[in-house]
Amino acid sequence: MKFLTIALLALASCAGEPQVATAVAPQSQDTAETITVTLSPSEKAAIKAEQEFIDEMASEGIYPETIPTQITVKYHKSGLTIGLYNESYISQTDYYQQERSSAIYKIIPDMKMGALLKALTNGNFFEDATDGIKRYTGASVSIVIRHGSKSYSLAWGPSVNKALHKVTNASADSIRVIYDTTDSMQVIGNASGGDFFQEESDRINRENALQRTRPRQ
């Protein structure tokens, strides 16, 4: 978990910098004009840092996850659901510009998804998960990952999969770290005309009160 957090903070610090651009614009069949963009020292340093970071991640076995991936975590007692898509699944622009009733899902870069899947693999998620999408009656926490054409389910509860308590909670915590540190620009529909921010505040207060009164497992 510590390495994952450090890696993602490093990624955030060097992501989104401008790239080198060299274009060849043909004017006719016989001539072509080459246009070279001159980068400032800070831009060159940012590109160098980004490449060094990518190389460092590769040395740790972390690569951008280009397979479309969806991750969903459900906390059954509180009713809270959170989820992540990588940008190979859907771009931030395409997802966030659509009005939705909630902001359950967030979009993360492919590199972040690669780091998260690496952490989940190291934490034995895929070793203990069941192939396919499965619903567990009596579960406290459940996780579903759709990875390309494959899917995996993992859950635990007082009366179901008790031996998977530790791996399920640790996996959910890893996912929650990425979710909580990722900004969302989701447009929320409010057809009822109510005070959305007050409603959200009330919902969060109810969840916090439930967490305080719930006995530790």
N, C-alpha and C. Protein backbone atom coordinates (compact mmCIF):
# COMPACT_ATOMS: atom_id res chain seq x y z
N MET A 1 0.83 -1.21 0.00
CA MET A 1 0.00 0.00 0.00
C MET A 1 0.85 1.25 0.00
N LYS A 2 1.96 1.23 0.79
CA LYS A 2 2.82 2.40 0.86
C LYS A 2 3.44 2.70 -0.49
N PHE A 3 3.95 1.66 -1.17
CA PHE A 3 4.55 1.87 -2.48
C PHE A 3 3.54 2.37 -3.48
N LEU A 4 2.33 1.80 -3.45
CA LEU A 4 1.29 2.21 -4.38
C LEU A 4 0.98 3.68 -4.22
N THR A 5 0.83 4.15 -2.99
CA THR A 5 0.51 5.55 -2.75
C THR A 5 1.62 6.46 -3.26
N ILE A 6 2.88 6.12 -2.99
CA ILE A 6 4.00 6.93 -3.46
C ILE A 6 4.04 6.96 -4.98
N ALA A 7 3.81 5.82 -5.61
CA ALA A 7 3.85 5.75 -7.07
C ALA A 7 2.79 6.63 -7.69
N LEU A 8 1.59 6.62 -7.14
CA LEU A 8 0.51 7.40 -7.72
C LEU A 8 0.72 8.89 -7.51
N LEU A 9 1.29 9.28 -6.37
CA LEU A 9 1.61 10.69 -6.15
C LEU A 9 2.65 11.15 -7.16
N ALA A 10 3.63 10.31 -7.45
CA ALA A 10 4.64 10.66 -8.45
C ALA A 10 4.01 10.79 -9.83
N LEU A 11 3.09 9.90 -10.14
CA LEU A 11 2.40 9.96 -11.42
C LEU A 11 1.64 11.26 -11.56
N ALA A 12 0.94 11.65 -10.51
CA ALA A 12 0.14 12.88 -10.57
C ALA A 12 1.02 14.10 -10.78
N SER A 13 2.25 14.07 -10.27
CA SER A 13 3.12 15.23 -10.36
C SER A 13 3.68 15.44 -11.75
N CYS A 14 3.71 14.37 -12.57
CA CYS A 14 4.32 14.53 -13.89
C CYS A 14 3.35 14.25 -15.03
N ALA A 15 2.11 13.95 -14.72
CA ALA A 15 1.13 13.68 -15.77
C ALA A 15 0.63 14.97 -16.38
N GLY A 16 0.21 14.89 -17.61
CA GLY A 16 -0.43 16.01 -18.26
C GLY A 16 0.50 17.06 -18.82
N GLU A 17 1.80 16.77 -18.88
CA GLU A 17 2.74 17.73 -19.44
C GLU A 17 2.71 17.66 -20.96
N PRO A 18 3.09 18.75 -21.64
CA PRO A 18 3.08 18.75 -23.10
C PRO A 18 4.10 17.78 -23.66
N GLN A 19 3.81 17.25 -24.83
CA GLN A 19 4.68 16.30 -25.50
C GLN A 19 5.42 16.96 -26.65
N VAL A 20 6.52 16.32 -27.08
CA VAL A 20 7.27 16.82 -28.23
C VAL A 20 6.42 16.67 -29.47
N ALA A 21 6.39 17.70 -30.29
CA ALA A 21 5.56 17.65 -31.49
C ALA A 21 6.39 18.07 -32.69
N THR A 22 6.55 17.16 -33.62
CA THR A 22 7.20 17.47 -34.89
C THR A 22 6.28 17.03 -36.00
N ALA A 23 5.89 17.97 -36.86
CA ALA A 23 4.91 17.66 -37.89
C ALA A 23 5.52 17.86 -39.27
N VAL A 24 5.12 17.01 -40.21
CA VAL A 24 5.52 17.16 -41.60
C VAL A 24 4.28 17.47 -42.40
N ALA A 25 4.25 18.65 -43.01
CA ALA A 25 3.07 19.10 -43.74
C ALA A 25 3.38 19.10 -45.23
N PRO A 26 2.88 18.13 -45.99
CA PRO A 26 3.15 18.07 -47.43
C PRO A 26 2.47 19.23 -48.15
N GLN A 27 3.24 19.88 -49.04
CA GLN A 27 2.69 20.98 -49.83
C GLN A 27 2.36 20.52 -51.23
N SER A 28 3.10 19.53 -51.71
CA SER A 28 2.83 18.99 -53.04
C SER A 28 3.44 17.60 -53.09
N GLN A 29 3.39 16.98 -54.22
CA GLN A 29 3.96 15.65 -54.35
C GLN A 29 5.48 15.69 -54.26
N ASP A 30 6.10 16.86 -54.53
CA ASP A 30 7.55 16.94 -54.60
C ASP A 30 8.19 17.63 -53.41
N THR A 31 7.42 18.43 -52.67
CA THR A 31 8.00 19.18 -51.56
C THR A 31 7.21 18.96 -50.29
N ALA A 32 7.87 19.12 -49.19
CA ALA A 32 7.22 19.00 -47.88
C ALA A 32 7.90 19.95 -46.92
N GLU A 33 7.13 20.51 -46.01
CA GLU A 33 7.65 21.45 -45.03
C GLU A 33 7.65 20.79 -43.66
N THR A 34 8.77 20.82 -42.98
CA THR A 34 8.89 20.26 -41.65
C THR A 34 8.76 21.37 -40.62
N ILE A 35 7.81 21.21 -39.68
CA ILE A 35 7.58 22.20 -38.63
C ILE A 35 8.02 21.61 -37.31
N THR A 36 8.97 22.26 -36.68
CA THR A 36 9.49 21.78 -35.40
C THR A 36 9.06 22.71 -34.28
N VAL A 37 8.46 22.15 -33.23
CA VAL A 37 8.03 22.94 -32.08
C VAL A 37 9.17 22.99 -31.08
N THR A 38 9.55 24.19 -30.67
CA THR A 38 10.62 24.37 -29.70
C THR A 38 10.06 24.35 -28.29
N LEU A 39 10.58 23.47 -27.46
CA LEU A 39 10.11 23.33 -26.10
C LEU A 39 10.96 24.15 -25.15
N SER A 40 10.33 24.67 -24.11
CA SER A 40 11.06 25.42 -23.10
C SER A 40 11.83 24.45 -22.21
N PRO A 41 12.83 24.93 -21.47
CA PRO A 41 13.58 24.05 -20.56
C PRO A 41 12.67 23.33 -19.56
N SER A 42 11.65 24.00 -19.06
CA SER A 42 10.75 23.36 -18.09
C SER A 42 9.93 22.26 -18.74
N GLU A 43 9.52 22.47 -19.99
CA GLU A 43 8.77 21.44 -20.71
C GLU A 43 9.65 20.22 -20.99
N LYS A 44 10.90 20.48 -21.39
CA LYS A 44 11.82 19.37 -21.63
C LYS A 44 12.08 18.59 -20.34
N ALA A 45 12.23 19.32 -19.22
CA ALA A 45 12.47 18.66 -17.94
C ALA A 45 11.26 17.82 -17.53
N ALA A 46 10.04 18.33 -17.79
CA ALA A 46 8.83 17.59 -17.45
C ALA A 46 8.72 16.30 -18.26
N ILE A 47 9.04 16.39 -19.55
CA ILE A 47 8.98 15.21 -20.41
C ILE A 47 10.01 14.18 -19.97
N LYS A 48 11.20 14.65 -19.62
CA LYS A 48 12.26 13.75 -19.15
C LYS A 48 11.83 13.07 -17.85
N ALA A 49 11.22 13.85 -16.94
CA ALA A 49 10.77 13.28 -15.66
C ALA A 49 9.67 12.25 -15.88
N GLU A 50 8.78 12.53 -16.83
CA GLU A 50 7.70 11.59 -17.11
C GLU A 50 8.25 10.28 -17.65
N GLN A 51 9.21 10.36 -18.56
CA GLN A 51 9.80 9.15 -19.12
C GLN A 51 10.55 8.37 -18.06
N GLU A 52 11.25 9.08 -17.19
CA GLU A 52 11.98 8.41 -16.10
C GLU A 52 11.00 7.70 -15.17
N PHE A 53 9.85 8.35 -14.92
CA PHE A 53 8.84 7.73 -14.06
C PHE A 53 8.27 6.47 -14.71
N ILE A 54 7.98 6.55 -16.02
CA ILE A 54 7.46 5.38 -16.73
C ILE A 54 8.46 4.24 -16.68
N ASP A 55 9.75 4.57 -16.85
CA ASP A 55 10.80 3.55 -16.78
C ASP A 55 10.87 2.95 -15.38
N GLU A 56 10.73 3.80 -14.35
CA GLU A 56 10.77 3.32 -12.97
C GLU A 56 9.59 2.39 -12.69
N MET A 57 8.41 2.77 -13.17
CA MET A 57 7.24 1.91 -12.98
C MET A 57 7.44 0.57 -13.68
N ALA A 58 8.02 0.61 -14.87
CA ALA A 58 8.26 -0.63 -15.61
C ALA A 58 9.21 -1.54 -14.85
N SER A 59 10.19 -0.95 -14.17
CA SER A 59 11.14 -1.75 -13.40
C SER A 59 10.46 -2.44 -12.22
N GLU A 60 9.31 -1.91 -11.78
CA GLU A 60 8.54 -2.51 -10.69
C GLU A 60 7.42 -3.40 -11.22
N GLY A 61 7.38 -3.57 -12.54
CA GLY A 61 6.34 -4.41 -13.14
C GLY A 61 5.01 -3.71 -13.31
N ILE A 62 5.02 -2.38 -13.33
CA ILE A 62 3.78 -1.60 -13.48
C ILE A 62 3.76 -0.95 -14.85
N TYR A 63 2.69 -1.19 -15.60
CA TYR A 63 2.54 -0.64 -16.94
C TYR A 63 1.13 -0.07 -17.10
N PRO A 64 0.94 0.84 -18.04
CA PRO A 64 -0.41 1.34 -18.29
C PRO A 64 -1.35 0.18 -18.65
N GLU A 65 -2.50 0.13 -18.01
CA GLU A 65 -3.48 -0.93 -18.28
C GLU A 65 -4.37 -0.49 -19.44
N THR A 66 -4.13 -1.06 -20.63
CA THR A 66 -4.88 -0.65 -21.82
C THR A 66 -6.09 -1.53 -22.11
N ILE A 67 -6.27 -2.58 -21.32
CA ILE A 67 -7.49 -3.38 -21.45
C ILE A 67 -8.62 -2.65 -20.72
N PRO A 68 -9.78 -2.47 -21.35
CA PRO A 68 -10.90 -1.78 -20.67
C PRO A 68 -11.22 -2.46 -19.33
N THR A 69 -11.21 -1.65 -18.26
CA THR A 69 -11.37 -2.21 -16.92
C THR A 69 -12.38 -1.41 -16.11
N GLN A 70 -13.24 -2.11 -15.41
CA GLN A 70 -14.22 -1.50 -14.51
C GLN A 70 -14.11 -2.18 -13.16
N ILE A 71 -14.03 -1.38 -12.09
CA ILE A 71 -13.95 -1.91 -10.74
C ILE A 71 -15.09 -1.31 -9.91
N THR A 72 -15.81 -2.16 -9.20
CA THR A 72 -16.92 -1.71 -8.36
C THR A 72 -16.78 -2.30 -6.96
N VAL A 73 -16.92 -1.44 -5.95
CA VAL A 73 -16.91 -1.89 -4.56
C VAL A 73 -18.26 -1.51 -3.93
N LYS A 74 -18.86 -2.46 -3.27
CA LYS A 74 -20.15 -2.24 -2.61
C LYS A 74 -20.01 -2.51 -1.12
N TYR A 75 -20.36 -1.49 -0.31
CA TYR A 75 -20.41 -1.65 1.15
C TYR A 75 -21.89 -1.86 1.49
N HIS A 76 -22.26 -3.09 1.73
CA HIS A 76 -23.68 -3.45 1.77
C HIS A 76 -24.42 -2.86 2.97
N LYS A 77 -23.77 -2.74 4.11
CA LYS A 77 -24.48 -2.23 5.29
C LYS A 77 -24.84 -0.77 5.15
N SER A 78 -23.92 0.02 4.60
CA SER A 78 -24.19 1.45 4.45
C SER A 78 -24.89 1.78 3.14
N GLY A 79 -24.82 0.84 2.17
CA GLY A 79 -25.40 1.09 0.86
C GLY A 79 -24.49 1.89 -0.06
N LEU A 80 -23.25 2.17 0.39
CA LEU A 80 -22.32 2.96 -0.41
C LEU A 80 -21.73 2.10 -1.52
N THR A 81 -21.68 2.66 -2.73
CA THR A 81 -21.05 2.02 -3.88
C THR A 81 -20.07 2.98 -4.50
N ILE A 82 -18.84 2.52 -4.80
CA ILE A 82 -17.86 3.33 -5.50
C ILE A 82 -17.30 2.51 -6.66
N GLY A 83 -16.77 3.21 -7.67
CA GLY A 83 -16.25 2.47 -8.81
C GLY A 83 -15.26 3.27 -9.61
N LEU A 84 -14.49 2.56 -10.43
CA LEU A 84 -13.46 3.17 -11.27
C LEU A 84 -13.51 2.57 -12.67
N TYR A 85 -13.26 3.42 -13.67
CA TYR A 85 -12.99 2.98 -15.04
C TYR A 85 -11.60 3.48 -15.41
N ASN A 86 -10.89 2.74 -16.25
CA ASN A 86 -9.68 3.33 -16.81
C ASN A 86 -10.02 4.04 -18.12
N GLU A 87 -9.09 4.86 -18.60
CA GLU A 87 -9.38 5.66 -19.79
C GLU A 87 -9.43 4.82 -21.06
N SER A 88 -8.93 3.58 -21.01
CA SER A 88 -9.09 2.69 -22.15
C SER A 88 -10.52 2.14 -22.22
N TYR A 89 -11.24 2.28 -21.11
CA TYR A 89 -12.67 1.89 -21.10
C TYR A 89 -13.51 3.03 -21.66
N ILE A 90 -13.29 4.23 -21.13
CA ILE A 90 -14.01 5.43 -21.60
C ILE A 90 -13.19 6.65 -21.18
N SER A 91 -13.16 7.66 -22.05
CA SER A 91 -12.39 8.85 -21.73
C SER A 91 -13.12 9.71 -20.70
N GLN A 92 -12.37 10.54 -19.99
CA GLN A 92 -12.99 11.44 -19.02
C GLN A 92 -14.00 12.36 -19.70
N THR A 93 -13.64 12.87 -20.88
CA THR A 93 -14.53 13.79 -21.59
C THR A 93 -15.85 13.12 -21.93
N ASP A 94 -15.77 11.92 -22.50
CA ASP A 94 -17.00 11.23 -22.89
C ASP A 94 -17.85 10.85 -21.69
N TYR A 95 -17.23 10.48 -20.58
CA TYR A 95 -18.00 10.04 -19.43
C TYR A 95 -18.60 11.20 -18.65
N TYR A 96 -17.77 12.18 -18.33
CA TYR A 96 -18.21 13.24 -17.43
C TYR A 96 -19.17 14.23 -18.09
N GLN A 97 -19.16 14.32 -19.42
CA GLN A 97 -20.05 15.29 -20.07
C GLN A 97 -21.51 14.82 -20.08
N GLN A 98 -21.72 13.54 -19.76
CA GLN A 98 -23.08 13.01 -19.70
C GLN A 98 -23.66 13.22 -18.30
N GLU A 99 -24.85 13.80 -18.24
CA GLU A 99 -25.50 14.03 -16.95
C GLU A 99 -25.93 12.70 -16.35
N ARG A 100 -25.65 12.52 -15.06
CA ARG A 100 -26.00 11.27 -14.37
C ARG A 100 -26.68 11.58 -13.04
N SER A 101 -27.30 10.57 -12.48
CA SER A 101 -28.02 10.76 -11.22
C SER A 101 -27.09 10.69 -10.01
N SER A 102 -25.87 10.19 -10.20
CA SER A 102 -24.92 10.08 -9.10
C SER A 102 -23.50 10.12 -9.66
N ALA A 103 -22.54 10.23 -8.76
CA ALA A 103 -21.13 10.26 -9.16
C ALA A 103 -20.41 9.04 -8.60
N ILE A 104 -21.01 7.87 -8.80
CA ILE A 104 -20.45 6.63 -8.26
C ILE A 104 -19.10 6.31 -8.87
N TYR A 105 -18.98 6.47 -10.19
CA TYR A 105 -17.76 6.07 -10.88
C TYR A 105 -16.87 7.27 -11.19
N LYS A 106 -15.55 7.01 -11.16
CA LYS A 106 -14.56 7.99 -11.56
C LYS A 106 -13.65 7.37 -12.62
N ILE A 107 -13.06 8.23 -13.44
CA ILE A 107 -12.18 7.78 -14.51
C ILE A 107 -10.74 8.03 -14.10
N ILE A 108 -9.89 7.01 -14.24
CA ILE A 108 -8.48 7.16 -13.88
C ILE A 108 -7.61 6.84 -15.08
N PRO A 109 -6.40 7.42 -15.14
CA PRO A 109 -5.47 7.10 -16.24
C PRO A 109 -5.11 5.62 -16.25
N ASP A 110 -4.70 5.15 -17.43
CA ASP A 110 -4.34 3.74 -17.56
C ASP A 110 -3.18 3.36 -16.64
N MET A 111 -2.24 4.30 -16.40
CA MET A 111 -1.12 3.99 -15.52
C MET A 111 -1.59 3.76 -14.09
N LYS A 112 -2.54 4.59 -13.63
CA LYS A 112 -3.09 4.39 -12.28
C LYS A 112 -3.78 3.03 -12.17
N MET A 113 -4.53 2.68 -13.22
CA MET A 113 -5.20 1.38 -13.18
C MET A 113 -4.19 0.26 -13.18
N GLY A 114 -3.10 0.42 -13.94
CA GLY A 114 -2.04 -0.59 -13.93
C GLY A 114 -1.44 -0.76 -12.55
N ALA A 115 -1.19 0.37 -11.87
CA ALA A 115 -0.62 0.31 -10.52
C ALA A 115 -1.61 -0.34 -9.55
N LEU A 116 -2.89 -0.01 -9.69
CA LEU A 116 -3.90 -0.59 -8.80
C LEU A 116 -4.03 -2.09 -9.01
N LEU A 117 -4.08 -2.54 -10.26
CA LEU A 117 -4.18 -3.98 -10.52
C LEU A 117 -2.95 -4.72 -10.03
N LYS A 118 -1.79 -4.07 -10.13
CA LYS A 118 -0.56 -4.67 -9.60
C LYS A 118 -0.67 -4.85 -8.09
N ALA A 119 -1.18 -3.81 -7.40
CA ALA A 119 -1.35 -3.89 -5.95
C ALA A 119 -2.35 -4.99 -5.57
N LEU A 120 -3.44 -5.08 -6.33
CA LEU A 120 -4.45 -6.11 -6.05
C LEU A 120 -3.89 -7.51 -6.29
N THR A 121 -3.08 -7.63 -7.33
CA THR A 121 -2.44 -8.93 -7.60
C THR A 121 -1.51 -9.32 -6.46
N ASN A 122 -0.70 -8.36 -6.02
CA ASN A 122 0.22 -8.63 -4.91
C ASN A 122 -0.52 -8.95 -3.62
N GLY A 123 -1.75 -8.40 -3.48
CA GLY A 123 -2.55 -8.66 -2.29
C GLY A 123 -3.43 -9.89 -2.38
N ASN A 124 -3.22 -10.70 -3.44
CA ASN A 124 -3.92 -11.99 -3.63
C ASN A 124 -5.39 -11.84 -4.00
N PHE A 125 -5.79 -10.67 -4.52
CA PHE A 125 -7.19 -10.53 -4.93
C PHE A 125 -7.56 -11.58 -5.98
N PHE A 126 -6.79 -11.65 -7.05
CA PHE A 126 -7.14 -12.55 -8.16
C PHE A 126 -6.96 -14.01 -7.78
N GLU A 127 -6.11 -14.29 -6.82
CA GLU A 127 -5.93 -15.67 -6.35
C GLU A 127 -7.15 -16.14 -5.57
N ASP A 128 -7.76 -15.25 -4.79
CA ASP A 128 -8.89 -15.64 -3.93
C ASP A 128 -10.25 -15.33 -4.56
N ALA A 129 -10.28 -14.51 -5.60
CA ALA A 129 -11.56 -14.13 -6.21
C ALA A 129 -12.16 -15.29 -7.00
N THR A 130 -13.48 -15.22 -7.19
CA THR A 130 -14.20 -16.20 -7.99
C THR A 130 -14.34 -15.66 -9.41
N ASP A 131 -14.12 -16.51 -10.40
CA ASP A 131 -14.31 -16.09 -11.79
C ASP A 131 -15.79 -15.80 -12.04
N GLY A 132 -16.06 -14.74 -12.77
CA GLY A 132 -17.43 -14.36 -13.08
C GLY A 132 -18.00 -13.39 -12.06
N ILE A 133 -19.19 -12.92 -12.34
CA ILE A 133 -19.88 -11.98 -11.45
C ILE A 133 -20.84 -12.77 -10.57
N LYS A 134 -20.65 -12.69 -9.27
CA LYS A 134 -21.46 -13.47 -8.33
C LYS A 134 -21.97 -12.58 -7.22
N ARG A 135 -23.22 -12.77 -6.85
CA ARG A 135 -23.82 -12.05 -5.72
C ARG A 135 -23.77 -12.93 -4.48
N TYR A 136 -23.35 -12.34 -3.36
CA TYR A 136 -23.23 -13.09 -2.11
C TYR A 136 -24.25 -12.58 -1.10
N THR A 137 -25.21 -13.40 -0.76
CA THR A 137 -26.20 -13.04 0.25
C THR A 137 -25.52 -12.97 1.62
N GLY A 138 -25.71 -11.85 2.33
CA GLY A 138 -25.13 -11.68 3.64
C GLY A 138 -23.74 -11.07 3.63
N ALA A 139 -23.27 -10.63 2.45
CA ALA A 139 -21.93 -10.02 2.37
C ALA A 139 -21.93 -8.63 2.99
N SER A 140 -20.82 -8.27 3.61
CA SER A 140 -20.63 -6.91 4.13
C SER A 140 -19.95 -6.03 3.10
N VAL A 141 -18.95 -6.58 2.41
CA VAL A 141 -18.22 -5.86 1.36
C VAL A 141 -18.06 -6.81 0.18
N SER A 142 -18.33 -6.30 -1.03
CA SER A 142 -18.11 -7.11 -2.23
C SER A 142 -17.43 -6.27 -3.29
N ILE A 143 -16.61 -6.93 -4.08
CA ILE A 143 -15.84 -6.27 -5.14
C ILE A 143 -16.04 -7.05 -6.43
N VAL A 144 -16.28 -6.31 -7.51
CA VAL A 144 -16.39 -6.92 -8.84
C VAL A 144 -15.44 -6.19 -9.77
N ILE A 145 -14.62 -6.94 -10.49
CA ILE A 145 -13.71 -6.36 -11.49
C ILE A 145 -14.05 -6.96 -12.84
N ARG A 146 -14.32 -6.10 -13.80
CA ARG A 146 -14.48 -6.51 -15.20
C ARG A 146 -13.23 -6.08 -15.94
N HIS A 147 -12.52 -7.05 -16.48
CA HIS A 147 -11.23 -6.79 -17.12
C HIS A 147 -11.28 -7.39 -18.52
N GLY A 148 -11.58 -6.55 -19.51
CA GLY A 148 -11.80 -7.08 -20.85
C GLY A 148 -12.99 -8.00 -20.87
N SER A 149 -12.80 -9.22 -21.38
CA SER A 149 -13.90 -10.18 -21.44
C SER A 149 -14.02 -11.02 -20.17
N LYS A 150 -13.11 -10.80 -19.20
CA LYS A 150 -13.12 -11.57 -17.97
C LYS A 150 -13.71 -10.75 -16.82
N SER A 151 -14.18 -11.44 -15.80
CA SER A 151 -14.70 -10.76 -14.61
C SER A 151 -14.39 -11.59 -13.38
N TYR A 152 -14.29 -10.88 -12.23
CA TYR A 152 -13.90 -11.53 -10.97
C TYR A 152 -14.73 -10.94 -9.83
N SER A 153 -15.08 -11.77 -8.86
CA SER A 153 -15.86 -11.34 -7.71
C SER A 153 -15.17 -11.79 -6.42
N LEU A 154 -15.22 -10.91 -5.42
CA LEU A 154 -14.66 -11.22 -4.11
C LEU A 154 -15.54 -10.56 -3.06
N ALA A 155 -15.85 -11.28 -1.98
CA ALA A 155 -16.73 -10.73 -0.94
C ALA A 155 -16.49 -11.45 0.38
N TRP A 156 -16.91 -10.78 1.44
CA TRP A 156 -16.90 -11.43 2.76
C TRP A 156 -18.05 -10.84 3.58
N GLY A 157 -18.45 -11.60 4.60
CA GLY A 157 -19.47 -11.14 5.54
C GLY A 157 -19.45 -12.05 6.75
N PRO A 158 -20.19 -11.70 7.80
CA PRO A 158 -20.21 -12.51 9.02
C PRO A 158 -20.62 -13.96 8.78
N SER A 159 -21.41 -14.18 7.71
CA SER A 159 -21.89 -15.54 7.45
C SER A 159 -21.48 -16.04 6.07
N VAL A 160 -20.58 -15.33 5.40
CA VAL A 160 -20.16 -15.75 4.06
C VAL A 160 -18.67 -15.44 3.87
N ASN A 161 -17.92 -16.41 3.38
CA ASN A 161 -16.50 -16.24 3.07
C ASN A 161 -15.71 -15.59 4.22
N LYS A 162 -15.90 -16.09 5.43
CA LYS A 162 -15.23 -15.48 6.59
C LYS A 162 -13.71 -15.46 6.43
N ALA A 163 -13.17 -16.50 5.77
CA ALA A 163 -11.72 -16.58 5.60
C ALA A 163 -11.18 -15.49 4.67
N LEU A 164 -12.08 -14.86 3.91
CA LEU A 164 -11.66 -13.83 2.95
C LEU A 164 -11.81 -12.42 3.51
N HIS A 165 -12.05 -12.32 4.82
CA HIS A 165 -12.23 -11.01 5.47
C HIS A 165 -11.04 -10.09 5.18
N LYS A 166 -9.83 -10.57 5.45
CA LYS A 166 -8.64 -9.73 5.35
C LYS A 166 -8.36 -9.31 3.92
N VAL A 167 -8.36 -10.25 2.97
CA VAL A 167 -8.03 -9.91 1.59
C VAL A 167 -9.09 -9.02 0.96
N THR A 168 -10.37 -9.23 1.32
CA THR A 168 -11.42 -8.38 0.76
C THR A 168 -11.31 -6.95 1.27
N ASN A 169 -11.12 -6.79 2.57
CA ASN A 169 -11.00 -5.44 3.12
C ASN A 169 -9.74 -4.73 2.63
N ALA A 170 -8.63 -5.46 2.52
CA ALA A 170 -7.39 -4.85 2.03
C ALA A 170 -7.54 -4.42 0.58
N SER A 171 -8.21 -5.24 -0.23
CA SER A 171 -8.44 -4.89 -1.63
C SER A 171 -9.36 -3.67 -1.75
N ALA A 172 -10.41 -3.66 -0.94
CA ALA A 172 -11.33 -2.51 -0.95
C ALA A 172 -10.61 -1.24 -0.52
N ASP A 173 -9.71 -1.35 0.46
CA ASP A 173 -8.95 -0.18 0.91
C ASP A 173 -8.04 0.36 -0.20
N SER A 174 -7.40 -0.53 -0.94
CA SER A 174 -6.54 -0.11 -2.05
C SER A 174 -7.34 0.65 -3.10
N ILE A 175 -8.52 0.11 -3.41
CA ILE A 175 -9.38 0.77 -4.40
C ILE A 175 -9.87 2.10 -3.87
N ARG A 176 -10.20 2.14 -2.59
CA ARG A 176 -10.72 3.38 -1.99
C ARG A 176 -9.66 4.49 -2.00
N VAL A 177 -8.39 4.12 -1.81
CA VAL A 177 -7.31 5.11 -1.86
C VAL A 177 -7.30 5.81 -3.22
N ILE A 178 -7.39 5.04 -4.29
CA ILE A 178 -7.39 5.63 -5.63
C ILE A 178 -8.65 6.46 -5.85
N TYR A 179 -9.78 5.93 -5.41
CA TYR A 179 -11.06 6.64 -5.60
C TYR A 179 -11.05 7.99 -4.87
N ASP A 180 -10.61 7.99 -3.63
CA ASP A 180 -10.65 9.21 -2.83
C ASP A 180 -9.64 10.26 -3.28
N THR A 181 -8.58 9.84 -3.96
CA THR A 181 -7.56 10.79 -4.41
C THR A 181 -7.72 11.16 -5.89
N THR A 182 -8.84 10.76 -6.49
CA THR A 182 -9.12 11.09 -7.89
C THR A 182 -10.24 12.11 -7.97
N ASP A 183 -9.99 13.20 -8.66
CA ASP A 183 -11.02 14.23 -8.84
C ASP A 183 -12.08 13.76 -9.82
N SER A 184 -13.30 14.24 -9.62
CA SER A 184 -14.41 13.92 -10.52
C SER A 184 -15.06 15.21 -11.00
N MET A 185 -15.45 15.22 -12.26
CA MET A 185 -16.11 16.39 -12.84
C MET A 185 -17.51 16.03 -13.32
N GLN A 186 -18.15 15.10 -12.62
CA GLN A 186 -19.43 14.58 -13.06
C GLN A 186 -20.55 15.62 -12.95
N VAL A 187 -21.33 15.73 -14.01
CA VAL A 187 -22.53 16.57 -13.99
C VAL A 187 -23.66 15.75 -13.39
N ILE A 188 -24.23 16.25 -12.29
CA ILE A 188 -25.28 15.53 -11.57
C ILE A 188 -26.63 16.14 -11.88
N GLY A 189 -27.56 15.30 -12.32
CA GLY A 189 -28.92 15.76 -12.56
C GLY A 189 -29.65 15.93 -11.24
N ASN A 190 -30.53 16.92 -11.17
CA ASN A 190 -31.26 17.21 -9.93
C ASN A 190 -32.69 17.57 -10.28
N ALA A 191 -33.37 16.60 -10.89
CA ALA A 191 -34.71 16.87 -11.40
C ALA A 191 -35.70 17.22 -10.30
N SER A 192 -35.45 16.76 -9.06
CA SER A 192 -36.38 17.03 -7.98
C SER A 192 -36.34 18.49 -7.54
N GLY A 193 -35.26 19.19 -7.90
CA GLY A 193 -35.16 20.60 -7.51
C GLY A 193 -34.70 20.80 -6.09
N GLY A 194 -34.31 19.72 -5.41
CA GLY A 194 -33.87 19.84 -4.03
C GLY A 194 -32.46 20.41 -3.92
N ASP A 195 -32.03 20.66 -2.72
CA ASP A 195 -30.69 21.18 -2.46
C ASP A 195 -29.73 20.00 -2.47
N PHE A 196 -29.06 19.79 -3.61
CA PHE A 196 -28.22 18.61 -3.79
C PHE A 196 -27.10 18.55 -2.75
N PHE A 197 -26.44 19.68 -2.52
CA PHE A 197 -25.30 19.69 -1.61
C PHE A 197 -25.75 19.41 -0.17
N GLN A 198 -26.93 19.90 0.21
CA GLN A 198 -27.45 19.60 1.53
C GLN A 198 -27.80 18.12 1.64
N GLU A 199 -28.39 17.58 0.56
CA GLU A 199 -28.72 16.16 0.55
C GLU A 199 -27.47 15.30 0.68
N GLU A 200 -26.40 15.69 -0.04
CA GLU A 200 -25.15 14.95 0.04
C GLU A 200 -24.55 15.04 1.44
N SER A 201 -24.62 16.23 2.04
CA SER A 201 -24.09 16.42 3.40
C SER A 201 -24.84 15.53 4.38
N ASP A 202 -26.18 15.50 4.24
CA ASP A 202 -26.99 14.66 5.13
C ASP A 202 -26.64 13.18 4.94
N ARG A 203 -26.43 12.77 3.68
CA ARG A 203 -26.10 11.37 3.41
C ARG A 203 -24.76 10.99 4.04
N ILE A 204 -23.76 11.86 3.89
CA ILE A 204 -22.44 11.59 4.47
C ILE A 204 -22.51 11.53 5.98
N ASN A 205 -23.28 12.45 6.59
CA ASN A 205 -23.44 12.44 8.04
C ASN A 205 -24.08 11.15 8.53
N ARG A 206 -25.06 10.65 7.77
CA ARG A 206 -25.71 9.39 8.14
C ARG A 206 -24.72 8.23 8.07
N GLU A 207 -23.89 8.22 7.01
CA GLU A 207 -22.90 7.16 6.86
C GLU A 207 -21.86 7.21 7.98
N ASN A 208 -21.42 8.42 8.33
CA ASN A 208 -20.44 8.55 9.41
C ASN A 208 -21.02 8.11 10.75
N ALA A 209 -22.28 8.44 10.98
CA ALA A 209 -22.93 8.04 12.23
C ALA A 209 -23.05 6.52 12.29
N LEU A 210 -23.35 5.90 11.13
CA LEU A 210 -23.46 4.46 11.08
C LEU A 210 -22.11 3.80 11.35
N GLN A 211 -21.04 4.38 10.81
CA GLN A 211 -19.70 3.83 11.04
C GLN A 211 -19.32 3.90 12.52
N ARG A 212 -19.72 5.00 13.20
CA ARG A 212 -19.38 5.15 14.61
C ARG A 212 -20.09 4.17 15.51
N THR A 213 -21.33 3.82 15.12
CA THR A 213 -22.13 2.95 15.98
C THR A 213 -21.95 1.47 15.62
N ARG A 214 -21.31 1.18 14.48
CA ARG A 214 -21.16 -0.21 14.04
C ARG A 214 -20.03 -0.85 14.83
N PRO A 215 -20.25 -2.04 15.39
CA PRO A 215 -19.16 -2.73 16.11
C PRO A 215 -18.08 -3.17 15.16
N ARG A 216 -16.82 -3.12 15.62
CA ARG A 216 -15.70 -3.55 14.80
C ARG A 216 -15.75 -5.05 14.59
N GLN A 217 -15.39 -5.45 13.33
CA GLN A 217 -15.38 -6.89 13.01
C GLN A 217 -14.03 -7.48 13.39
